[in-house]
Protein backbone atom coordinates (compact mmCIF):
# COMPACT_ATOMS: atom_id res chain seq x y z
CA MET A 1 47.14 -99.71 55.56
CA GLU A 2 48.57 -97.57 57.42
CA THR A 3 46.08 -95.93 58.70
CA GLU A 4 44.82 -98.97 59.56
CA VAL A 5 47.09 -100.56 61.50
CA LYS A 6 48.02 -96.99 63.22
CA ASP A 7 44.39 -97.50 64.69
CA ARG A 8 45.01 -101.46 66.21
CA LEU A 9 47.72 -99.86 68.36
CA LYS A 10 46.04 -101.39 71.67
CA THR A 11 47.59 -103.20 74.45
CA VAL A 12 49.03 -106.09 74.06
CA LYS A 13 48.03 -109.04 77.41
CA SER A 14 48.53 -112.58 74.95
CA ILE A 15 50.49 -113.75 72.90
CA LEU A 16 50.79 -116.77 71.36
CA VAL A 17 53.86 -118.18 69.44
CA SER A 18 53.21 -120.64 66.70
CA GLN A 19 56.72 -122.84 67.68
CA PRO A 20 57.20 -125.42 70.46
CA LYS A 21 57.55 -124.28 73.70
CA PRO A 22 61.30 -123.10 74.58
CA LYS A 23 63.66 -126.06 76.50
CA ASP A 24 66.49 -122.98 77.38
CA GLU A 25 64.94 -121.25 80.84
CA LYS A 26 66.58 -118.78 79.86
CA SER A 27 64.57 -118.21 76.41
CA PRO A 28 64.20 -114.32 75.40
CA TYR A 29 60.19 -115.80 74.99
CA TYR A 30 60.38 -115.61 78.73
CA VAL A 31 62.17 -112.31 79.83
CA LEU A 32 59.55 -110.62 77.24
CA ALA A 33 56.58 -112.41 79.42
CA LYS A 34 58.10 -111.24 82.65
CA LYS A 35 60.12 -107.84 81.77
CA TYR A 36 55.81 -106.38 80.63
CA ASN A 37 53.36 -108.94 82.43
CA LEU A 38 52.16 -111.13 79.67
CA LYS A 39 50.70 -114.18 78.90
CA ILE A 40 52.62 -116.10 76.56
CA ASP A 41 51.89 -119.58 74.90
CA PHE A 42 53.13 -122.05 73.00
CA ARG A 43 51.68 -123.96 70.78
CA PRO A 44 53.26 -125.37 67.00
CA PHE A 45 50.61 -124.95 64.11
CA ILE A 46 52.26 -127.90 61.71
CA GLN A 47 53.21 -130.83 62.44
CA ILE A 48 56.49 -133.46 60.56
CA GLU A 49 55.17 -136.62 59.43
CA SER A 50 57.80 -139.25 58.09
CA VAL A 51 57.02 -140.23 54.11
CA PRO A 52 57.31 -144.41 54.44
CA ALA A 53 59.44 -146.21 53.10
CA LYS A 54 56.85 -147.82 50.37
CA GLU A 55 55.85 -145.08 49.59
CA PHE A 56 59.48 -143.36 49.27
CA ARG A 57 60.24 -146.53 47.11
CA LYS A 58 57.04 -145.23 44.38
CA GLN A 59 59.89 -142.47 43.93
CA LYS A 60 62.13 -144.76 41.94
CA ILE A 61 65.23 -143.25 43.86
CA SER A 62 68.73 -144.77 44.37
CA ILE A 63 70.38 -142.88 47.66
CA LEU A 64 73.14 -144.92 47.27
CA ASP A 65 72.81 -143.10 42.96
CA HIS A 66 74.56 -140.53 44.91
CA SER A 67 77.52 -138.84 46.05
CA ALA A 68 75.66 -136.09 48.26
CA VAL A 69 73.28 -135.01 49.86
CA ILE A 70 72.19 -131.70 50.72
CA PHE A 71 71.15 -130.35 54.05
CA THR A 72 68.81 -127.78 55.28
CA SER A 73 67.43 -128.01 58.27
CA ARG A 74 67.85 -130.81 61.24
CA ASN A 75 64.23 -132.86 59.50
CA ALA A 76 66.09 -133.34 57.04
CA VAL A 77 68.80 -134.73 58.23
CA ASP A 78 66.74 -137.09 60.81
CA HIS A 79 64.74 -138.10 57.65
CA TYR A 80 67.37 -139.35 55.53
CA PHE A 81 69.12 -141.74 57.70
CA ASN A 82 65.85 -142.53 59.01
CA VAL A 83 64.81 -143.87 55.75
CA CYS A 84 68.69 -146.01 55.07
CA LYS A 85 67.79 -147.61 58.22
CA ASP A 86 64.46 -148.62 57.33
CA LEU A 87 65.14 -149.47 53.75
CA LYS A 88 68.80 -151.25 55.43
CA ILE A 89 71.04 -149.35 53.01
CA GLU A 90 74.54 -148.51 55.02
CA VAL A 91 75.66 -145.16 53.78
CA PRO A 92 79.13 -145.28 52.53
CA THR A 93 81.70 -142.92 55.01
CA ASP A 94 82.65 -141.59 51.99
CA MET A 95 79.32 -139.80 50.92
CA LYS A 96 79.58 -135.71 50.84
CA TYR A 97 77.45 -133.63 53.34
CA PHE A 98 76.41 -130.00 52.23
CA CYS A 99 74.52 -128.39 55.17
CA ILE A 100 72.99 -124.42 54.98
CA SER A 101 74.32 -124.04 58.49
CA GLU A 102 76.99 -125.04 61.20
CA GLN A 103 74.44 -126.07 63.04
CA THR A 104 73.01 -128.61 60.97
CA ALA A 105 76.24 -130.05 60.41
CA ASN A 106 76.83 -130.26 63.72
CA TYR A 107 73.43 -132.43 64.04
CA LEU A 108 74.79 -134.96 62.05
CA GLN A 109 76.36 -136.59 64.81
CA LYS A 110 73.51 -137.63 65.56
CA TYR A 111 74.22 -140.17 63.13
CA ILE A 112 77.53 -140.52 62.03
CA VAL A 113 81.46 -139.47 63.30
CA ILE A 114 81.06 -136.01 61.36
CA ARG A 115 84.76 -135.86 61.70
CA LYS A 116 85.93 -138.70 59.79
CA ARG A 117 83.60 -137.47 57.26
CA LYS A 118 83.41 -135.02 53.99
CA ILE A 119 81.01 -131.99 55.78
CA PHE A 120 81.21 -128.48 54.00
CA THR A 121 78.53 -125.55 55.31
CA GLY A 122 76.91 -122.37 54.36
CA LEU A 123 76.45 -120.13 56.92
CA ARG A 124 72.98 -119.52 57.45
CA THR A 125 71.13 -119.20 54.08
CA ALA A 126 70.17 -120.59 51.27
CA ALA A 127 72.24 -118.74 49.22
CA GLU A 128 75.12 -119.00 51.28
CA LEU A 129 75.20 -122.34 51.16
CA ILE A 130 74.99 -122.22 47.09
CA GLU A 131 78.33 -120.40 46.77
CA VAL A 132 79.61 -123.50 48.49
CA LEU A 133 77.21 -125.66 45.70
CA LYS A 134 79.47 -123.56 43.15
CA LYS A 135 82.75 -124.97 44.03
CA HIS A 136 81.32 -128.90 43.66
CA LYS A 137 79.61 -128.94 40.40
CA ASN A 138 80.77 -132.61 39.75
CA GLU A 139 78.52 -133.85 42.56
CA ILE A 140 75.55 -136.28 41.87
CA TYR A 141 73.70 -134.48 44.60
CA LEU A 142 70.20 -135.63 46.89
CA PHE A 143 68.25 -132.85 48.12
CA PRO A 144 66.10 -134.75 51.27
CA CYS A 145 62.78 -132.51 51.56
CA SER A 146 59.20 -131.88 53.13
CA ASN A 147 56.79 -131.73 50.33
CA ILE A 148 56.41 -128.22 51.26
CA ARG A 149 59.59 -126.57 50.20
CA LYS A 150 61.14 -123.15 49.15
CA ASP A 151 62.43 -123.16 45.89
CA ASP A 152 65.60 -120.86 46.00
CA ILE A 153 68.53 -124.84 45.84
CA PRO A 154 66.45 -126.73 43.52
CA LYS A 155 66.10 -123.92 41.29
CA PHE A 156 69.41 -122.85 41.30
CA LEU A 157 70.47 -126.84 40.76
CA ARG A 158 68.12 -127.59 37.82
CA GLU A 159 69.54 -123.28 36.34
CA ASN A 160 72.84 -124.25 36.68
CA GLY A 161 72.89 -128.23 34.56
CA TYR A 162 73.98 -129.71 37.78
CA ASP A 163 73.06 -133.43 38.42
CA TYR A 164 70.72 -133.68 41.00
CA THR A 165 67.20 -135.90 42.62
CA GLU A 166 64.38 -134.70 44.64
CA ALA A 167 63.93 -136.90 47.72
CA THR A 168 60.38 -135.98 49.53
CA LEU A 169 61.15 -137.66 52.71
CA TYR A 170 58.12 -136.28 54.80
CA ARG A 171 55.25 -133.33 55.26
CA THR A 172 54.62 -130.94 56.57
CA ILE A 173 50.87 -130.54 57.61
CA ALA A 174 48.60 -128.65 59.86
CA SER A 175 48.31 -129.42 63.63
CA ASP A 176 44.92 -129.88 65.12
CA LEU A 177 43.67 -126.50 66.77
CA SER A 178 40.35 -127.41 67.23
CA ASP A 179 40.94 -126.24 70.85
CA LEU A 180 41.99 -123.13 70.95
CA ALA A 181 38.55 -122.67 68.88
CA ASP A 182 37.09 -120.39 71.85
CA ILE A 183 40.65 -118.36 72.66
CA GLN A 184 41.74 -114.97 72.14
CA TYR A 185 44.70 -113.54 72.21
CA ASP A 186 46.46 -109.62 71.40
CA VAL A 187 48.80 -111.73 69.47
CA ILE A 188 49.94 -114.31 67.48
CA ALA A 189 53.34 -114.90 65.83
CA PHE A 190 53.88 -117.12 62.88
CA PHE A 191 57.28 -117.81 61.26
CA SER A 192 56.06 -119.83 58.25
CA PRO A 193 53.32 -119.20 54.82
CA SER A 194 52.43 -123.23 56.34
CA GLY A 195 51.45 -121.58 59.77
CA ILE A 196 49.54 -119.62 58.25
CA ASN A 197 47.70 -122.02 56.32
CA SER A 198 47.32 -123.96 59.09
CA LEU A 199 45.17 -121.05 60.58
CA PHE A 200 42.44 -121.25 57.58
CA VAL A 201 43.18 -125.04 57.64
CA ASN A 202 41.64 -125.20 61.27
CA PHE A 203 39.69 -122.39 61.02
CA PRO A 204 37.82 -121.72 57.94
CA ASP A 205 36.12 -118.70 59.43
CA PHE A 206 38.75 -117.14 61.02
CA LYS A 207 38.25 -113.37 61.85
CA GLN A 208 40.50 -111.31 62.73
CA ASN A 209 39.33 -108.72 64.45
CA ASN A 210 41.44 -107.21 67.14
CA THR A 211 44.43 -110.00 66.69
CA ARG A 212 47.30 -108.41 65.42
CA ILE A 213 49.74 -110.74 63.32
CA ALA A 214 53.67 -111.02 63.88
CA ALA A 215 55.58 -112.91 60.98
CA PHE A 216 58.96 -113.41 60.01
CA GLY A 217 60.02 -112.98 57.30
CA PRO A 218 59.37 -111.60 53.91
CA THR A 219 57.45 -115.22 52.71
CA THR A 220 55.07 -115.00 55.66
CA ALA A 221 54.39 -111.75 55.51
CA LYS A 222 53.43 -112.82 51.41
CA ALA A 223 50.44 -115.45 53.19
CA VAL A 224 49.62 -112.44 55.66
CA SER A 225 48.91 -110.48 52.77
CA GLU A 226 47.93 -113.23 50.07
CA HIS A 227 45.39 -114.94 53.28
CA ASN A 228 43.44 -110.83 53.88
CA LEU A 229 45.13 -110.44 57.29
CA ILE A 230 46.46 -107.12 58.64
CA LEU A 231 50.18 -107.43 59.37
CA ASP A 232 51.22 -105.73 62.78
CA ILE A 233 54.93 -106.65 63.05
CA GLU A 234 56.54 -107.06 60.78
CA ALA A 235 60.00 -109.43 61.70
CA PRO A 236 63.59 -109.06 60.75
CA LEU A 237 64.02 -105.52 61.22
CA PRO A 238 67.23 -103.58 61.54
CA ASN A 239 67.09 -102.92 65.08
CA ALA A 240 65.95 -106.06 66.05
CA PRO A 241 67.09 -108.89 63.84
CA SER A 242 64.25 -111.63 66.00
CA MET A 243 61.23 -112.37 66.68
CA THR A 244 61.59 -111.56 70.58
CA GLY A 245 62.97 -107.85 69.48
CA ALA A 246 60.70 -107.13 67.02
CA ILE A 247 57.94 -108.19 69.46
CA GLU A 248 59.01 -106.57 71.85
CA LEU A 249 59.07 -102.97 70.04
CA TYR A 250 55.52 -103.04 69.35
CA VAL A 251 54.58 -103.67 73.07
CA LYS A 252 56.78 -101.03 74.30
CA LYS A 253 54.95 -98.23 71.65
CA VAL A 254 51.53 -99.87 72.49
CA ASN A 255 51.71 -100.80 76.48
CA GLY A 256 53.93 -97.26 77.41
CA LYS A 257 56.32 -99.32 78.72
């Protein structure tokens, strides 16, 4: 495999990033494009859709039976408060919120006055949030999530006898990428197994050929392998904690800059 990857060390001129286009003009992707004269395009490979209130009711979940909510993303925040609105549920002021990061916690202010609420946060990862949850075993938790989600937090709750309910409030589905059928990129950057899945939903006969694959995180890297693709650029790395950093190291190597 190492020999195969080495043989693929070819010049990079174009990159497709399977995420929305950054709004920040100082995004590292724009800096990278300018620095190495690269064509970098952005296209979300997945999209989020709400579970309709009528369908949510079939899950037979009473939101008000819970004393705390676990949020692992902004999507979870949006869909939790949206379903409450659709069902005309007034969320109690004493509801507690456990957020995976400070960023997610701050996003709550879109819906509530956060200085008046009980909010607990991890630093960034599920493992760190679990450490916070260990100190609050007596809550009745609601875990809003997508139809596709990681099992680390539910597994912890389940194995440690926590009282919790998992609520599927939104779905992660493949975007329509049919307009990319005849377009070739030197590198495609993926950030989740769902992105890899979307590629094959859209192009079941996809052949990698000389397209280099970049993957962020171990679960994405595993999905690359499971689809019999070659992983050329892996992130994060000890000396490159971001996707842009890992791509830059590769571009320096193959473009001779």
